[in-house]
């Protein structure tokens, strides 16, 4: 069993920045971020396997950066140039292997509004 604890959400004006953090209770293979806006399906924002590079949703490329600190079992999502359409609940996701069922964090609200 893996527990994922998120932090860093909040309210920010358009063009602003936020950094999300997610710490896992133990080392796991891949970690990433999904988001779900009201009335929409959950979508993958960014994911990074251990030792790999990040993969991103097209609409966040160039604005969001995913990174990992494997010594701390922590993944970060640096979000810059935020837009109102980035407003959503952001969920941390982790897998112990490519074929394993995912673990989920509790979610953190990100609101981009003036």
Protein backbone atom coordinates (compact mmCIF):
# COMPACT_ATOMS: atom_id res chain seq x y z
CA UNK A 1 0.00 0.00 0.00
CA UNK A 2 1.20 3.51 -0.86
CA UNK A 3 -0.05 6.77 0.61
CA UNK A 4 0.27 9.97 -1.39
CA UNK A 5 0.03 13.33 0.39
CA UNK A 6 -0.36 16.49 -1.67
CA UNK A 7 0.13 20.15 -0.88
CA UNK A 8 0.44 23.48 -2.61
CA UNK A 9 -2.90 24.28 -4.18
CA UNK A 10 -4.69 27.59 -3.82
CA UNK A 11 -6.05 30.67 -5.51
CA UNK A 12 -3.87 32.55 -7.97
CA UNK A 13 -4.43 35.29 -10.54
CA UNK A 14 -4.07 34.59 -14.25
CA UNK A 15 -0.40 34.64 -15.21
CA UNK A 16 0.65 33.60 -11.74
CA UNK A 17 2.50 30.54 -10.49
CA UNK A 18 1.97 27.70 -8.05
CA UNK A 19 3.98 24.67 -7.09
CA UNK A 20 2.31 21.43 -6.10
CA UNK A 21 4.08 18.76 -4.07
CA UNK A 22 3.22 15.12 -3.49
CA UNK A 23 5.11 12.81 -1.15
CA UNK A 24 4.76 9.05 -1.30
CA UNK A 25 5.06 6.79 1.73
CA UNK A 26 7.71 4.76 -0.11
CA UNK A 27 9.68 4.72 -3.33
CA UNK A 28 7.55 4.01 -6.40
CA UNK A 29 8.16 3.70 -10.14
CA UNK A 30 6.19 6.55 -11.64
CA UNK A 31 4.57 9.64 -10.22
CA UNK A 32 2.45 12.23 -11.89
CA UNK A 33 -0.41 14.64 -11.79
CA UNK A 34 -3.95 14.49 -13.12
CA UNK A 35 -6.64 17.13 -12.90
CA UNK A 36 -10.40 17.22 -13.01
CA UNK A 37 -12.46 20.32 -13.67
CA UNK A 38 -16.18 20.46 -12.83
CA UNK A 39 -18.20 18.53 -15.38
CA UNK A 40 -15.12 17.18 -17.12
CA UNK A 41 -13.22 13.90 -17.11
CA UNK A 42 -10.00 13.51 -15.20
CA UNK A 43 -7.03 14.11 -17.48
CA UNK A 44 -3.32 13.45 -17.30
CA UNK A 45 -1.32 16.65 -16.80
CA UNK A 46 2.23 15.36 -16.40
CA UNK A 47 3.96 12.13 -15.46
CA UNK A 48 7.52 11.08 -14.81
CA UNK A 49 8.97 7.60 -14.31
CA UNK A 50 11.93 7.13 -12.01
CA UNK A 51 15.01 8.20 -13.96
CA UNK A 52 12.92 9.34 -16.90
CA UNK A 53 11.82 12.60 -18.43
CA UNK A 54 8.44 14.23 -18.10
CA UNK A 55 5.47 13.74 -20.41
CA UNK A 56 2.90 16.52 -20.58
CA UNK A 57 -0.59 17.36 -21.65
CA UNK A 58 -0.26 19.50 -24.79
CA UNK A 59 -2.04 22.48 -23.27
CA UNK A 60 0.48 22.77 -20.41
CA UNK A 61 3.71 22.23 -22.36
CA UNK A 62 6.08 25.13 -21.85
CA UNK A 63 4.19 26.31 -18.77
CA UNK A 64 4.29 23.36 -16.36
CA UNK A 65 7.34 21.42 -15.25
CA UNK A 66 7.31 18.10 -13.41
CA UNK A 67 10.27 17.05 -11.32
CA UNK A 68 11.11 14.37 -8.77
CA UNK A 69 13.27 14.13 -5.69
CA UNK A 70 13.70 10.38 -5.39
CA UNK A 71 15.51 10.68 -2.05
CA UNK A 72 12.34 12.25 -0.63
CA UNK A 73 9.85 10.16 -2.67
CA UNK A 74 8.40 13.48 -3.78
CA UNK A 75 7.13 14.78 -7.08
CA UNK A 76 6.61 18.45 -7.85
CA UNK A 77 4.57 20.29 -10.42
CA UNK A 78 5.73 23.83 -11.08
CA UNK A 79 2.91 25.69 -12.80
CA UNK A 80 3.68 29.01 -14.45
CA UNK A 81 1.63 31.37 -16.63
CA UNK A 82 -1.53 29.92 -15.16
CA UNK A 83 -4.79 30.37 -17.03
CA UNK A 84 -8.41 30.21 -15.83
CA UNK A 85 -8.80 26.96 -17.77
CA UNK A 86 -6.18 25.38 -15.49
CA UNK A 87 -8.69 25.60 -12.65
CA UNK A 88 -9.34 22.09 -11.37
CA UNK A 89 -8.73 19.65 -8.56
CA UNK A 90 -5.24 18.27 -9.07
CA UNK A 91 -4.56 14.68 -8.05
CA UNK A 92 -1.23 13.04 -7.45
CA UNK A 93 -0.89 9.62 -9.05
CA UNK A 94 1.65 6.90 -8.40
CA UNK A 95 2.37 3.42 -9.73
CA UNK A 96 4.73 0.78 -8.41
CA UNK A 97 5.22 -0.56 -11.94
CA UNK A 98 3.93 0.08 -15.47
CA UNK A 99 1.19 -2.54 -15.11
CA UNK A 100 0.22 -1.81 -11.51
CA UNK A 101 -3.01 -0.18 -10.45
CA UNK A 102 -2.53 3.49 -9.61
CA UNK A 103 -2.56 5.04 -6.17
CA UNK A 104 -4.19 8.45 -5.75
CA UNK A 105 -3.77 11.40 -3.47
CA UNK A 106 -6.69 13.21 -1.90
CA UNK A 107 -6.61 16.07 -4.40
CA UNK A 108 -5.77 19.74 -4.06
CA UNK A 109 -7.79 22.61 -5.50
CA UNK A 110 -6.17 25.03 -7.92
CA UNK A 111 -8.22 28.09 -8.81
CA UNK A 112 -7.02 30.62 -11.36
CA UNK A 113 -9.15 33.74 -11.20
CA UNK A 114 -8.88 37.50 -11.01
